[in-house]
Amino acid sequence: MTGLLDAARLLDRRRLRALSLAVRHDVDAGVVRSHGTDPSLVARLEGPFESVEDAHERIRALEIALRGGNDRRAVFATIYSRMTGAVREAIESGRFTDAEWMREYTVTFAEYYRRAFLAFERGRPGRVPDPWVVAFGTAVEGSALVAQDAFLGINAHINYDLALALRDVGIDPTRPEKRVDHDRIDDILAGLIDAQQRALTDLYAPGIADVDASLGRFDERLSLFPMTEGRAQAWRLAVVLTDFDGTPITRYARWVLRTTATGAAQFVRSPPVAPSVLQALERVERDVPLGEALTVLADRLDAR
């Protein structure tokens, strides 16, 4: 019964909007084929993550390498390395009921990012999920704001990867206890999300002042799904994928997952923000080197 209720709740007003965007905008995989391979980045991600510590350290090393190369994929890597580190600290401090499950959960989740990044870097479009094609493609083109690069990465990882990671690691037995541990991550990430918000506000404050407008919270204007809602949806999808494995309901759930995450990426790529505001924020970024913007972001996250 629970699975049926979750299946019925997979589509709401926001996700119907995402479906509409996905239908109206094709994903161009050509950016994957045309992207030049960097052997040093491939080497950093060759081979699965072996532990939470290994995932954290290698994502952090990837972030440093990307920042050193002024690669805008560093924006999400900066955020994700801190998220993984925060979960690692929480596991080690005993904040979860099932610490071993949380270790497997964290590594399995990170593997989706590793595989998507590696496939993109190797120029293999068939192995890069559409939400990541939009996120990585936008980043390497350098055609969006730092804020958009951040939310595109978060969208692909939370609104697409997470449900599949939960399905892979398994939500049974003791499903209620695992749900509590899954929800505890929301509290752990809350401080990081606020720190990210402050960093982006600090970065763009001059542009906002120029147009005499306030964007409010960036995650309300530049993304379709707040992170906590994305994580709740991921659990609902994991329940459906687990309880109805191999049925038409499962195929429906996977279609909803892929299509809504791709549509949400299109929303982030072209948000409903006044052109005057976007132009002002673009002017700010032209005056702020990427390295400086990333330092602001990293410093805020580290001081959460």
C-alpha atoms as a PDB file:
ATOM      1  CA  MET A   1       0.000   0.000   0.000  1.00  0.00           C
ATOM      2  CA  THR A   2       2.825   2.411   0.865  1.00  0.00           C
ATOM      3  CA  GLY A   3       4.429   1.830  -2.511  1.00  0.00           C
ATOM      4  CA  LEU A   4       1.177   2.583  -4.326  1.00  0.00           C
ATOM      5  CA  LEU A   5       0.760   5.817  -2.379  1.00  0.00           C
ATOM      6  CA  ASP A   6       4.316   6.839  -3.241  1.00  0.00           C
ATOM      7  CA  ALA A   7       3.722   6.012  -6.911  1.00  0.00           C
ATOM      8  CA  ALA A   8       0.627   8.216  -6.892  1.00  0.00           C
ATOM      9  CA  ARG A   9       2.670  11.096  -5.435  1.00  0.00           C
ATOM     10  CA  LEU A  10       5.492  11.042  -7.991  1.00  0.00           C
ATOM     11  CA  LEU A  11       3.982  13.866 -10.023  1.00  0.00           C
ATOM     12  CA  ASP A  12       2.968  17.221  -8.599  1.00  0.00           C
ATOM     13  CA  ARG A  13       2.600  20.693 -10.094  1.00  0.00           C
ATOM     14  CA  ARG A  14       6.343  21.398 -10.171  1.00  0.00           C
ATOM     15  CA  ARG A  15       7.171  18.050 -11.696  1.00  0.00           C
ATOM     16  CA  LEU A  16       4.503  18.431 -14.335  1.00  0.00           C
ATOM     17  CA  ARG A  17       6.208  21.705 -15.215  1.00  0.00           C
ATOM     18  CA  ALA A  18       9.519  19.862 -15.423  1.00  0.00           C
ATOM     19  CA  LEU A  19       7.960  17.256 -17.717  1.00  0.00           C
ATOM     20  CA  SER A  20       6.755  20.028 -19.995  1.00  0.00           C
ATOM     21  CA  LEU A  21      10.223  21.577 -20.133  1.00  0.00           C
ATOM     22  CA  ALA A  22      11.847  18.222 -20.888  1.00  0.00           C
ATOM     23  CA  VAL A  23       9.452  17.577 -23.764  1.00  0.00           C
ATOM     24  CA  ARG A  24      10.041  21.023 -25.267  1.00  0.00           C
ATOM     25  CA  HIS A  25      13.852  21.039 -25.011  1.00  0.00           C
ATOM     26  CA  ASP A  26      16.123  18.372 -26.459  1.00  0.00           C
ATOM     27  CA  VAL A  27      19.375  17.473 -24.712  1.00  0.00           C
ATOM     28  CA  ASP A  28      22.318  17.891 -27.058  1.00  0.00           C
ATOM     29  CA  ALA A  29      24.820  15.099 -26.391  1.00  0.00           C
ATOM     30  CA  GLY A  30      27.200  16.645 -28.921  1.00  0.00           C
ATOM     31  CA  VAL A  31      28.893  18.550 -26.111  1.00  0.00           C
ATOM     32  CA  VAL A  32      30.000  15.209 -24.642  1.00  0.00           C
ATOM     33  CA  ARG A  33      31.555  14.023 -27.908  1.00  0.00           C
ATOM     34  CA  SER A  34      33.296  17.338 -28.556  1.00  0.00           C
ATOM     35  CA  HIS A  35      34.762  17.685 -25.076  1.00  0.00           C
ATOM     36  CA  GLY A  36      38.487  16.972 -25.015  1.00  0.00           C
ATOM     37  CA  THR A  37      39.661  14.284 -22.614  1.00  0.00           C
ATOM     38  CA  ASP A  38      42.042  15.260 -19.811  1.00  0.00           C
ATOM     39  CA  PRO A  39      43.988  12.092 -18.862  1.00  0.00           C
ATOM     40  CA  SER A  40      44.881  13.517 -15.457  1.00  0.00           C
ATOM     41  CA  LEU A  41      41.201  13.905 -14.542  1.00  0.00           C
ATOM     42  CA  VAL A  42      40.400  10.424 -15.832  1.00  0.00           C
ATOM     43  CA  ALA A  43      43.224   8.998 -13.719  1.00  0.00           C
ATOM     44  CA  ARG A  44      41.790  10.606 -10.566  1.00  0.00           C
ATOM     45  CA  LEU A  45      38.468   8.842 -11.038  1.00  0.00           C
ATOM     46  CA  GLU A  46      39.655   5.533 -12.456  1.00  0.00           C
ATOM     47  CA  GLY A  47      38.365   2.718 -10.281  1.00  0.00           C
ATOM     48  CA  PRO A  48      35.403   2.678  -7.868  1.00  0.00           C
ATOM     49  CA  PHE A  49      35.422   4.475  -4.547  1.00  0.00           C
ATOM     50  CA  GLU A  50      36.384   1.991  -1.857  1.00  0.00           C
ATOM     51  CA  SER A  51      35.069   3.812   1.222  1.00  0.00           C
ATOM     52  CA  VAL A  52      33.528   7.070   2.394  1.00  0.00           C
ATOM     53  CA  GLU A  53      37.022   8.317   3.177  1.00  0.00           C
ATOM     54  CA  ASP A  54      38.265   7.389  -0.284  1.00  0.00           C
ATOM     55  CA  ALA A  55      35.272   9.094  -1.935  1.00  0.00           C
ATOM     56  CA  HIS A  56      35.743  12.255   0.100  1.00  0.00           C
ATOM     57  CA  GLU A  57      39.481  12.483  -0.525  1.00  0.00           C
ATOM     58  CA  ARG A  58      39.265  11.781  -4.264  1.00  0.00           C
ATOM     59  CA  ILE A  59      36.373  14.204  -4.836  1.00  0.00           C
ATOM     60  CA  ARG A  60      38.348  16.810  -2.913  1.00  0.00           C
ATOM     61  CA  ALA A  61      41.418  16.113  -5.099  1.00  0.00           C
ATOM     62  CA  LEU A  62      39.231  16.410  -8.205  1.00  0.00           C
ATOM     63  CA  GLU A  63      37.901  19.737  -6.951  1.00  0.00           C
ATOM     64  CA  ILE A  64      41.443  21.064  -6.481  1.00  0.00           C
ATOM     65  CA  ALA A  65      42.448  19.924  -9.965  1.00  0.00           C
ATOM     66  CA  LEU A  66      39.375  21.503 -11.559  1.00  0.00           C
ATOM     67  CA  ARG A  67      39.893  24.760  -9.696  1.00  0.00           C
ATOM     68  CA  GLY A  68      43.511  24.817 -10.791  1.00  0.00           C
ATOM     69  CA  GLY A  69      42.411  24.501 -14.409  1.00  0.00           C
ATOM     70  CA  ASN A  70      39.653  27.128 -14.128  1.00  0.00           C
ATOM     71  CA  ASP A  71      37.196  24.385 -15.030  1.00  0.00           C
ATOM     72  CA  ARG A  72      33.671  25.420 -14.016  1.00  0.00           C
ATOM     73  CA  ARG A  73      32.818  21.851 -13.089  1.00  0.00           C
ATOM     74  CA  ALA A  74      34.738  22.804  -9.948  1.00  0.00           C
ATOM     75  CA  VAL A  75      31.654  24.677  -8.709  1.00  0.00           C
ATOM     76  CA  PHE A  76      29.685  21.522  -7.948  1.00  0.00           C
ATOM     77  CA  ALA A  77      32.810  19.588  -6.948  1.00  0.00           C
ATOM     78  CA  THR A  78      33.471  22.257  -4.299  1.00  0.00           C
ATOM     79  CA  ILE A  79      29.965  21.848  -2.906  1.00  0.00           C
ATOM     80  CA  TYR A  80      29.924  18.055  -3.157  1.00  0.00           C
ATOM     81  CA  SER A  81      33.283  17.531  -1.484  1.00  0.00           C
ATOM     82  CA  ARG A  82      31.990  19.473   1.550  1.00  0.00           C
ATOM     83  CA  MET A  83      28.715  17.559   1.564  1.00  0.00           C
ATOM     84  CA  THR A  84      30.552  14.242   1.516  1.00  0.00           C
ATOM     85  CA  GLY A  85      32.887  15.452   4.237  1.00  0.00           C
ATOM     86  CA  ALA A  86      29.953  16.533   6.419  1.00  0.00           C
ATOM     87  CA  VAL A  87      28.268  13.128   6.064  1.00  0.00           C
ATOM     88  CA  ARG A  88      31.594  11.426   6.788  1.00  0.00           C
ATOM     89  CA  GLU A  89      31.926  13.402  10.024  1.00  0.00           C
ATOM     90  CA  ALA A  90      28.357  12.550  11.011  1.00  0.00           C
ATOM     91  CA  ILE A  91      28.934   8.833  10.452  1.00  0.00           C
ATOM     92  CA  GLU A  92      32.127   8.893  12.497  1.00  0.00           C
ATOM     93  CA  SER A  93      30.425  10.770  15.333  1.00  0.00           C
ATOM     94  CA  GLY A  94      27.639   8.174  15.584  1.00  0.00           C
ATOM     95  CA  ARG A  95      24.702  10.281  14.390  1.00  0.00           C
ATOM     96  CA  PHE A  96      23.084   7.452  12.430  1.00  0.00           C
ATOM     97  CA  THR A  97      21.229   4.368  13.624  1.00  0.00           C
ATOM     98  CA  ASP A  98      22.769   2.149  10.929  1.00  0.00           C
ATOM     99  CA  ALA A  99      26.262   3.494  10.330  1.00  0.00           C
ATOM    100  CA  GLU A 100      27.250   0.649   8.018  1.00  0.00           C
ATOM    101  CA  TRP A 101      24.242   1.278   5.771  1.00  0.00           C
ATOM    102  CA  MET A 102      25.070   4.982   5.695  1.00  0.00           C
ATOM    103  CA  ARG A 103      28.641   4.208   4.616  1.00  0.00           C
ATOM    104  CA  GLU A 104      27.380   2.046   1.762  1.00  0.00           C
ATOM    105  CA  TYR A 105      24.717   4.669   0.920  1.00  0.00           C
ATOM    106  CA  THR A 106      27.309   7.470   0.736  1.00  0.00           C
ATOM    107  CA  VAL A 107      29.748   5.495  -1.403  1.00  0.00           C
ATOM    108  CA  THR A 108      27.024   4.218  -3.743  1.00  0.00           C
ATOM    109  CA  PHE A 109      25.710   7.760  -4.181  1.00  0.00           C
ATOM    110  CA  ALA A 110      29.200   9.115  -4.897  1.00  0.00           C
ATOM    111  CA  GLU A 111      29.722   6.372  -7.471  1.00  0.00           C
ATOM    112  CA  TYR A 112      26.951   7.812  -9.623  1.00  0.00           C
ATOM    113  CA  TYR A 113      28.795  11.133  -9.745  1.00  0.00           C
ATOM    114  CA  ARG A 114      32.140   9.434 -10.426  1.00  0.00           C
ATOM    115  CA  ARG A 115      30.767   7.360 -13.300  1.00  0.00           C
ATOM    116  CA  ALA A 116      28.921  10.281 -14.886  1.00  0.00           C
ATOM    117  CA  PHE A 117      31.982  12.554 -14.689  1.00  0.00           C
ATOM    118  CA  LEU A 118      34.269   9.829 -16.051  1.00  0.00           C
ATOM    119  CA  ALA A 119      31.949   9.036 -18.966  1.00  0.00           C
ATOM    120  CA  PHE A 120      31.682  12.724 -19.836  1.00  0.00           C
ATOM    121  CA  GLU A 121      35.428  13.203 -19.651  1.00  0.00           C
ATOM    122  CA  ARG A 122      35.984  10.192 -21.920  1.00  0.00           C
ATOM    123  CA  GLY A 123      33.463  11.504 -24.451  1.00  0.00           C
ATOM    124  CA  ARG A 124      30.915   8.688 -24.090  1.00  0.00           C
ATOM    125  CA  PRO A 125      27.484  10.346 -24.364  1.00  0.00           C
ATOM    126  CA  GLY A 126      25.513   7.112 -24.081  1.00  0.00           C
ATOM    127  CA  ARG A 127      26.809   6.668 -20.552  1.00  0.00           C
ATOM    128  CA  VAL A 128      26.101  10.181 -19.293  1.00  0.00           C
ATOM    129  CA  PRO A 129      22.548  10.663 -17.934  1.00  0.00           C
ATOM    130  CA  ASP A 130      20.726  13.602 -19.513  1.00  0.00           C
ATOM    131  CA  PRO A 131      20.687  15.768 -16.344  1.00  0.00           C
ATOM    132  CA  TRP A 132      24.479  15.420 -16.161  1.00  0.00           C
ATOM    133  CA  VAL A 133      24.853  16.168 -19.872  1.00  0.00           C
ATOM    134  CA  VAL A 134      23.166  19.510 -19.198  1.00  0.00           C
ATOM    135  CA  ALA A 135      25.166  20.156 -16.022  1.00  0.00           C
ATOM    136  CA  PHE A 136      28.621  19.213 -17.306  1.00  0.00           C
ATOM    137  CA  GLY A 137      27.962  20.595 -20.773  1.00  0.00           C
ATOM    138  CA  THR A 138      26.898  23.974 -19.427  1.00  0.00           C
ATOM    139  CA  ALA A 139      29.926  24.086 -17.134  1.00  0.00           C
ATOM    140  CA  VAL A 140      32.530  23.314 -19.814  1.00  0.00           C
ATOM    141  CA  GLU A 141      30.887  25.788 -22.185  1.00  0.00           C
ATOM    142  CA  GLY A 142      31.148  28.455 -19.491  1.00  0.00           C
ATOM    143  CA  SER A 143      27.807  29.812 -20.620  1.00  0.00           C
ATOM    144  CA  ALA A 144      26.004  30.188 -17.281  1.00  0.00           C
ATOM    145  CA  LEU A 145      26.375  31.799 -13.881  1.00  0.00           C
ATOM    146  CA  VAL A 146      28.292  30.134 -11.063  1.00  0.00           C
ATOM    147  CA  ALA A 147      24.933  29.843  -9.274  1.00  0.00           C
ATOM    148  CA  GLN A 148      23.478  27.943 -12.242  1.00  0.00           C
ATOM    149  CA  ASP A 149      26.481  25.606 -12.378  1.00  0.00           C
ATOM    150  CA  ALA A 150      25.924  24.890  -8.683  1.00  0.00           C
ATOM    151  CA  PHE A 151      22.227  24.133  -9.032  1.00  0.00           C
ATOM    152  CA  LEU A 152      22.670  22.087 -12.207  1.00  0.00           C
ATOM    153  CA  GLY A 153      25.057  19.775 -10.365  1.00  0.00           C
ATOM    154  CA  ILE A 154      22.798  19.559  -7.324  1.00  0.00           C
ATOM    155  CA  ASN A 155      19.810  18.825  -9.550  1.00  0.00           C
ATOM    156  CA  ALA A 156      21.536  15.983 -11.396  1.00  0.00           C
ATOM    157  CA  HIS A 157      22.873  14.383  -8.236  1.00  0.00           C
ATOM    158  CA  ILE A 158      19.897  14.817  -5.901  1.00  0.00           C
ATOM    159  CA  ASN A 159      16.979  14.721  -8.332  1.00  0.00           C
ATOM    160  CA  TYR A 160      18.359  11.926 -10.512  1.00  0.00           C
ATOM    161  CA  ASP A 161      21.188   9.924  -8.920  1.00  0.00           C
ATOM    162  CA  LEU A 162      19.900   9.664  -5.367  1.00  0.00           C
ATOM    163  CA  ALA A 163      16.814   7.532  -6.042  1.00  0.00           C
ATOM    164  CA  LEU A 164      18.916   5.045  -8.012  1.00  0.00           C
ATOM    165  CA  ALA A 165      21.570   4.956  -5.297  1.00  0.00           C
ATOM    166  CA  LEU A 166      18.917   4.217  -2.670  1.00  0.00           C
ATOM    167  CA  ARG A 167      17.496   1.462  -4.868  1.00  0.00           C
ATOM    168  CA  ASP A 168      20.979  -0.021  -5.286  1.00  0.00           C
ATOM    169  CA  VAL A 169      21.974   0.061  -1.630  1.00  0.00           C
ATOM    170  CA  GLY A 170      18.569  -1.247  -0.544  1.00  0.00           C
ATOM    171  CA  ILE A 171      16.004   0.277   1.782  1.00  0.00           C
ATOM    172  CA  ASP A 172      15.017  -3.053   3.378  1.00  0.00           C
ATOM    173  CA  PRO A 173      14.924  -4.550   5.925  1.00  0.00           C
ATOM    174  CA  THR A 174      14.262  -2.050   8.732  1.00  0.00           C
ATOM    175  CA  ARG A 175      12.866   0.447   6.204  1.00  0.00           C
ATOM    176  CA  PRO A 176      11.535   2.897   8.843  1.00  0.00           C
ATOM    177  CA  GLU A 177      14.939   3.139  10.538  1.00  0.00           C
ATOM    178  CA  LYS A 178      16.663   3.656   7.206  1.00  0.00           C
ATOM    179  CA  ARG A 179      14.184   6.409   6.325  1.00  0.00           C
ATOM    180  CA  VAL A 180      15.057   8.177   9.581  1.00  0.00           C
ATOM    181  CA  ASP A 181      18.772   7.977   8.747  1.00  0.00           C
ATOM    182  CA  HIS A 182      18.073   9.238   5.221  1.00  0.00           C
ATOM    183  CA  ASP A 183      16.155  12.204   6.656  1.00  0.00           C
ATOM    184  CA  ARG A 184      18.906  12.968   9.177  1.00  0.00           C
ATOM    185  CA  ILE A 185      21.122  14.005   6.272  1.00  0.00           C
ATOM    186  CA  ASP A 186      18.743  16.919   5.651  1.00  0.00           C
ATOM    187  CA  ASP A 187      19.739  18.372   9.012  1.00  0.00           C
ATOM    188  CA  ILE A 188      23.428  17.784   8.297  1.00  0.00           C
ATOM    189  CA  LEU A 189      23.218  19.500   4.918  1.00  0.00           C
ATOM    190  CA  ALA A 190      21.104  22.427   6.133  1.00  0.00           C
ATOM    191  CA  GLY A 191      24.110  24.381   7.339  1.00  0.00           C
ATOM    192  CA  LEU A 192      25.943  23.802   4.070  1.00  0.00           C
ATOM    193  CA  ILE A 193      22.957  24.939   2.025  1.00  0.00           C
ATOM    194  CA  ASP A 194      22.704  28.129   4.059  1.00  0.00           C
ATOM    195  CA  ALA A 195      26.443  28.674   3.658  1.00  0.00           C
ATOM    196  CA  GLN A 196      26.161  28.157  -0.093  1.00  0.00           C
ATOM    197  CA  GLN A 197      23.285  30.621  -0.185  1.00  0.00           C
ATOM    198  CA  ARG A 198      25.311  33.236   1.700  1.00  0.00           C
ATOM    199  CA  ALA A 199      28.290  32.725  -0.588  1.00  0.00           C
ATOM    200  CA  LEU A 200      26.204  33.238  -3.714  1.00  0.00           C
ATOM    201  CA  THR A 201      24.522  36.268  -2.180  1.00  0.00           C
ATOM    202  CA  ASP A 202      27.931  37.718  -1.269  1.00  0.00           C
ATOM    203  CA  LEU A 203      29.152  37.095  -4.804  1.00  0.00           C
ATOM    204  CA  TYR A 204      26.169  38.651  -6.560  1.00  0.00           C
ATOM    205  CA  ALA A 205      25.279  41.416  -4.101  1.00  0.00           C
ATOM    206  CA  PRO A 206      26.705  44.194  -6.335  1.00  0.00           C
ATOM    207  CA  GLY A 207      24.615  43.011  -9.292  1.00  0.00           C
ATOM    208  CA  ILE A 208      21.459  42.768  -7.235  1.00  0.00           C
ATOM    209  CA  ALA A 209      22.025  46.302  -5.931  1.00  0.00           C
ATOM    210  CA  ASP A 210      22.581  47.577  -9.474  1.00  0.00           C
ATOM    211  CA  VAL A 211      19.114  46.551 -10.563  1.00  0.00           C
ATOM    212  CA  ASP A 212      17.480  47.425  -7.251  1.00  0.00           C
ATOM    213  CA  ALA A 213      16.002  43.932  -6.986  1.00  0.00           C
ATOM    214  CA  SER A 214      16.343  41.045  -4.601  1.00  0.00           C
ATOM    215  CA  LEU A 215      16.493  37.453  -5.743  1.00  0.00           C
ATOM    216  CA  GLY A 216      15.520  36.240  -2.303  1.00  0.00           C
ATOM    217  CA  ARG A 217      16.814  32.718  -1.835  1.00  0.00           C
ATOM    218  CA  PHE A 218      18.637  31.537  -4.935  1.00  0.00           C
ATOM    219  CA  ASP A 219      17.208  28.036  -4.575  1.00  0.00           C
ATOM    220  CA  GLU A 220      13.705  29.488  -4.934  1.00  0.00           C
ATOM    221  CA  ARG A 221      14.451  31.425  -8.113  1.00  0.00           C
ATOM    222  CA  LEU A 222      17.180  29.456  -9.869  1.00  0.00           C
ATOM    223  CA  SER A 223      16.097  25.880  -9.172  1.00  0.00           C
ATOM    224  CA  LEU A 224      12.796  24.095  -9.535  1.00  0.00           C
ATOM    225  CA  PHE A 225      13.082  21.709  -6.574  1.00  0.00           C
ATOM    226  CA  PRO A 226      14.566  22.629  -3.168  1.00  0.00           C
ATOM    227  CA  MET A 227      17.078  20.044  -1.951  1.00  0.00           C
ATOM    228  CA  THR A 228      14.907  18.727   0.884  1.00  0.00           C
ATOM    229  CA  GLU A 229      12.021  18.139  -1.545  1.00  0.00           C
ATOM    230  CA  GLY A 230      14.389  16.429  -3.971  1.00  0.00           C
ATOM    231  CA  ARG A 231      15.584  14.071  -1.240  1.00  0.00           C
ATOM    232  CA  ALA A 232      11.986  13.275  -0.214  1.00  0.00           C
ATOM    233  CA  GLN A 233      11.137  12.489  -3.846  1.00  0.00           C
ATOM    234  CA  ALA A 234      14.213  10.282  -4.100  1.00  0.00           C
ATOM    235  CA  TRP A 235      12.924   8.173  -1.209  1.00  0.00           C
ATOM    236  CA  ARG A 236       9.462   7.888  -2.785  1.00  0.00           C
ATOM    237  CA  LEU A 237      11.035   6.732  -6.040  1.00  0.00           C
ATOM    238  CA  ALA A 238      13.265   4.233  -4.216  1.00  0.00           C
ATOM    239  CA  VAL A 239      10.175   2.757  -2.545  1.00  0.00           C
ATOM    240  CA  VAL A 240       8.407   2.385  -5.886  1.00  0.00           C
ATOM    241  CA  LEU A 241      11.487   0.932  -7.617  1.00  0.00           C
ATOM    242  CA  THR A 242      11.878  -1.551  -4.749  1.00  0.00           C
ATOM    243  CA  ASP A 243       8.258  -2.587  -4.267  1.00  0.00           C
ATOM    244  CA  PHE A 244       7.328  -2.880  -7.950  1.00  0.00           C
ATOM    245  CA  ASP A 245      10.549  -4.135  -9.495  1.00  0.00           C
ATOM    246  CA  GLY A 246      10.057  -5.313 -13.074  1.00  0.00           C
ATOM    247  CA  THR A 247       6.516  -3.999 -13.440  1.00  0.00           C
ATOM    248  CA  PRO A 248       5.056  -1.205 -15.598  1.00  0.00           C
ATOM    249  CA  ILE A 249       4.926   0.927 -12.446  1.00  0.00           C
ATOM    250  CA  THR A 250       8.706   0.694 -12.215  1.00  0.00           C
ATOM    251  CA  ARG A 251       9.110   1.767 -15.828  1.00  0.00           C
ATOM    252  CA  TYR A 252       6.788   4.687 -15.140  1.00  0.00           C
ATOM    253  CA  ALA A 253       8.823   5.686 -12.066  1.00  0.00           C
ATOM    254  CA  ARG A 254      12.094   5.605 -13.997  1.00  0.00           C
ATOM    255  CA  TRP A 255      10.528   7.728 -16.759  1.00  0.00           C
ATOM    256  CA  VAL A 256       9.338  10.265 -14.192  1.00  0.00           C
ATOM    257  CA  LEU A 257      12.793  10.276 -12.589  1.00  0.00           C
ATOM    258  CA  ARG A 258      14.708  10.859 -15.818  1.00  0.00           C
ATOM    259  CA  THR A 259      12.265  13.294 -17.385  1.00  0.00           C
ATOM    260  CA  THR A 260      11.632  15.506 -14.380  1.00  0.00           C
ATOM    261  CA  ALA A 261      15.342  15.762 -13.520  1.00  0.00           C
ATOM    262  CA  THR A 262      16.102  16.685 -17.130  1.00  0.00           C
ATOM    263  CA  GLY A 263      13.282  19.228 -17.208  1.00  0.00           C
ATOM    264  CA  ALA A 264      14.491  20.722 -13.933  1.00  0.00           C
ATOM    265  CA  ALA A 265      17.934  21.112 -15.520  1.00  0.00           C
ATOM    266  CA  GLN A 266      16.358  23.041 -18.382  1.00  0.00           C
ATOM    267  CA  PHE A 267      14.613  25.244 -15.815  1.00  0.00           C
ATOM    268  CA  VAL A 268      17.910  26.032 -14.072  1.00  0.00           C
ATOM    269  CA  ARG A 269      19.557  26.666 -17.434  1.00  0.00           C
ATOM    270  CA  SER A 270      16.875  29.217 -18.389  1.00  0.00           C
ATOM    271  CA  PRO A 271      15.276  30.387 -15.129  1.00  0.00           C
ATOM    272  CA  PRO A 272      12.266  32.732 -15.013  1.00  0.00           C
ATOM    273  CA  VAL A 273      14.332  35.673 -13.807  1.00  0.00           C
ATOM    274  CA  ALA A 274      14.045  39.159 -15.247  1.00  0.00           C
ATOM    275  CA  PRO A 275      16.644  39.709 -18.027  1.00  0.00           C
ATOM    276  CA  SER A 276      17.830  42.872 -16.264  1.00  0.00           C
ATOM    277  CA  VAL A 277      18.695  40.827 -13.180  1.00  0.00           C
ATOM    278  CA  LEU A 278      20.558  38.162 -15.151  1.00  0.00           C
ATOM    279  CA  GLN A 279      22.473  40.811 -17.073  1.00  0.00           C
ATOM    280  CA  ALA A 280      23.509  42.488 -13.828  1.00  0.00           C
ATOM    281  CA  LEU A 281      24.695  39.187 -12.351  1.00  0.00           C
ATOM    282  CA  GLU A 282      26.607  38.407 -15.537  1.00  0.00           C
ATOM    283  CA  ARG A 283      28.360  41.779 -15.230  1.00  0.00           C
ATOM    284  CA  VAL A 284      29.403  40.863 -11.693  1.00  0.00           C
ATOM    285  CA  GLU A 285      30.896  37.575 -12.886  1.00  0.00           C
ATOM    286  CA  ARG A 286      32.854  39.295 -15.633  1.00  0.00           C
ATOM    287  CA  ASP A 287      34.529  41.349 -12.926  1.00  0.00           C
ATOM    288  CA  VAL A 288      35.150  38.428 -10.544  1.00  0.00           C
ATOM    289  CA  PRO A 289      37.619  35.713 -11.655  1.00  0.00           C
ATOM    290  CA  LEU A 290      36.296  32.167 -11.323  1.00  0.00           C
ATOM    291  CA  GLY A 291      39.021  31.318  -8.829  1.00  0.00           C
ATOM    292  CA  GLU A 292      37.926  34.158  -6.578  1.00  0.00           C
ATOM    293  CA  ALA A 293      34.276  33.136  -6.800  1.00  0.00           C
ATOM    294  CA  LEU A 294      35.169  29.552  -5.889  1.00  0.00           C
ATOM    295  CA  THR A 295      37.233  30.763  -2.952  1.00  0.00           C
ATOM    296  CA  VAL A 296      34.230  32.696  -1.629  1.00  0.00           C
ATOM    297  CA  LEU A 297      32.089  29.580  -1.988  1.00  0.00           C
ATOM    298  CA  ALA A 298      34.648  27.246  -0.409  1.00  0.00           C
ATOM    299  CA  ASP A 299      35.376  29.601   2.491  1.00  0.00           C
ATOM    300  CA  ARG A 300      31.681  29.936   3.309  1.00  0.00           C
ATOM    301  CA  LEU A 301      31.178  26.154   3.189  1.00  0.00           C
ATOM    302  CA  ASP A 302      34.236  25.510   5.350  1.00  0.00           C
ATOM    303  CA  ALA A 303      33.029  28.031   7.924  1.00  0.00           C
ATOM    304  CA  ARG A 304      29.491  26.592   8.049  1.00  0.00           C
END
